[in-house]
Amino acid sequence: MKNNHYPIEFSNKGKVFYNKNILLSIINLAAKEIAGVSRLNNNFASRISKFFCNNLYEGVKIVSMQDTIAIHIYLNVYYGVKVTEVVYKVQESVKNGILAMIDVKIHSINVHVMGVDFKKEQ
């Protein structure tokens, strides 16, 4: 089907299609709730890519393969956190969030740390 919908197949019951915005919402919420994540990367290049690439949205790219999806998350972390721990927690949170709400096979969840942000002193 079109890039905006992903199918979920049930053996004898037919197919269910869901809009990619549902998947993007789950990924955004799951990634942002992890301590140490500053923001999903939304720089100038990703804003331009949004016009040309239909499946890039606020630092998330979804690649649809035959019966699975690959997820790429681009984010910034706070200074002083253990990057490997934050990335692992993001992967687990996204995986658990998707599997709890949508029955889809995940090929991979790749987290790309694009930068480090400093916390603002108040």
Protein backbone atom coordinates (compact mmCIF):
# COMPACT_ATOMS: atom_id res chain seq x y z
CA MET A 1 0.00 0.00 0.00
CA LYS A 2 1.09 3.63 0.22
CA ASN A 3 3.87 4.79 2.58
CA ASN A 4 1.31 6.17 5.05
CA HIS A 5 -0.12 2.76 5.96
CA TYR A 6 1.45 -0.44 7.21
CA PRO A 7 -0.38 -3.79 7.07
CA ILE A 8 -0.86 -6.24 9.91
CA GLU A 9 -1.82 -9.64 8.59
CA PHE A 10 -4.03 -12.11 10.39
CA SER A 11 -4.05 -15.65 9.00
CA ASN A 12 -7.67 -16.26 7.98
CA LYS A 13 -9.24 -13.04 9.14
CA GLY A 14 -7.84 -10.61 6.57
CA LYS A 15 -5.60 -7.56 6.97
CA VAL A 16 -5.63 -4.52 9.19
CA PHE A 17 -3.88 -1.34 8.06
CA TYR A 18 -2.73 1.36 10.46
CA ASN A 19 -1.53 4.87 9.71
CA LYS A 20 2.18 5.59 10.18
CA ASN A 21 1.31 8.50 12.51
CA ILE A 22 0.17 5.98 15.12
CA LEU A 23 3.55 4.28 15.01
CA LEU A 24 5.39 7.62 15.03
CA SER A 25 3.42 8.77 18.09
CA ILE A 26 4.29 5.61 20.00
CA ILE A 27 7.97 5.96 19.10
CA ASN A 28 8.11 9.66 20.01
CA LEU A 29 6.47 9.16 23.40
CA ALA A 30 8.55 6.10 24.24
CA ALA A 31 11.84 7.80 23.36
CA LYS A 32 11.11 11.10 25.10
CA GLU A 33 10.15 9.47 28.40
CA ILE A 34 13.67 8.09 28.98
CA ALA A 35 15.81 10.08 31.42
CA GLY A 36 18.85 11.47 29.66
CA VAL A 37 17.15 12.10 26.32
CA SER A 38 17.23 15.81 25.64
CA ARG A 39 15.13 15.85 22.47
CA LEU A 40 14.56 14.10 19.22
CA ASN A 41 16.83 15.71 16.67
CA ASN A 42 14.95 18.18 14.52
CA ASN A 43 17.72 20.13 12.84
CA PHE A 44 17.70 21.93 9.50
CA ALA A 45 18.66 18.83 7.51
CA SER A 46 15.83 16.77 8.98
CA ARG A 47 13.32 19.55 8.25
CA ILE A 48 14.41 19.56 4.61
CA SER A 49 14.31 15.75 4.49
CA LYS A 50 10.75 15.87 5.77
CA PHE A 51 9.68 17.41 2.45
CA PHE A 52 11.44 14.83 0.30
CA CYS A 53 11.24 11.71 2.46
CA ASN A 54 7.72 10.74 3.40
CA ASN A 55 8.64 8.61 6.40
CA LEU A 56 10.86 10.96 8.41
CA TYR A 57 9.15 12.77 11.25
CA GLU A 58 10.82 14.67 14.10
CA GLY A 59 13.92 12.53 14.27
CA VAL A 60 12.26 9.20 13.45
CA LYS A 61 12.61 7.27 10.22
CA ILE A 62 10.66 4.09 9.51
CA VAL A 63 11.84 1.74 6.80
CA SER A 64 9.25 -0.82 5.75
CA MET A 65 10.61 -4.15 4.59
CA GLN A 66 8.63 -7.17 3.40
CA ASP A 67 6.90 -8.11 6.65
CA THR A 68 8.97 -6.15 9.18
CA ILE A 69 9.96 -2.58 9.91
CA ALA A 70 13.29 -0.98 10.79
CA ILE A 71 13.20 2.09 13.00
CA HIS A 72 15.88 4.80 13.09
CA ILE A 73 15.72 7.32 15.93
CA TYR A 74 17.86 10.46 15.85
CA LEU A 75 18.22 12.18 19.22
CA ASN A 76 20.31 14.36 21.48
CA VAL A 77 21.30 13.37 25.01
CA TYR A 78 22.18 15.43 28.06
CA TYR A 79 25.79 15.98 29.04
CA GLY A 80 26.98 13.59 31.75
CA VAL A 81 24.73 10.61 31.06
CA LYS A 82 25.99 7.19 30.05
CA VAL A 83 25.11 7.15 26.36
CA THR A 84 25.07 3.36 26.04
CA GLU A 85 22.58 3.03 28.91
CA VAL A 86 20.31 5.74 27.51
CA VAL A 87 20.37 4.20 24.02
CA TYR A 88 19.57 0.74 25.39
CA LYS A 89 16.66 2.12 27.44
CA VAL A 90 15.30 3.95 24.38
CA GLN A 91 15.46 0.74 22.33
CA GLU A 92 13.67 -1.25 25.03
CA SER A 93 11.04 1.43 25.62
CA VAL A 94 10.25 1.76 21.92
CA LYS A 95 10.12 -2.01 21.44
CA ASN A 96 7.83 -2.55 24.43
CA GLY A 97 5.59 0.36 23.48
CA ILE A 98 5.10 -0.86 19.92
CA LEU A 99 4.57 -4.50 20.86
CA ALA A 100 2.06 -3.55 23.57
CA MET A 101 -0.10 -1.55 21.18
CA ILE A 102 0.48 -2.90 17.66
CA ASP A 103 1.18 -6.41 16.47
CA VAL A 104 4.04 -5.69 14.09
CA LYS A 105 7.37 -7.43 13.55
CA ILE A 106 10.36 -5.22 14.29
CA HIS A 107 13.54 -5.94 12.34
CA SER A 108 15.71 -3.42 14.19
CA ILE A 109 15.64 -0.28 16.32
CA ASN A 110 18.67 1.88 15.59
CA VAL A 111 19.34 4.88 17.83
CA HIS A 112 21.63 7.58 16.45
CA VAL A 113 22.99 10.07 18.98
CA MET A 114 23.36 13.29 17.03
CA GLY A 115 24.57 15.61 19.76
CA VAL A 116 24.94 16.49 23.42
CA ASP A 117 22.90 19.21 25.12
CA PHE A 118 23.69 20.93 28.39
CA LYS A 119 21.01 21.34 31.05
CA LYS A 120 20.09 24.96 31.67
CA GLU A 121 20.86 26.25 35.14
CA GLN A 122 17.86 27.83 36.85
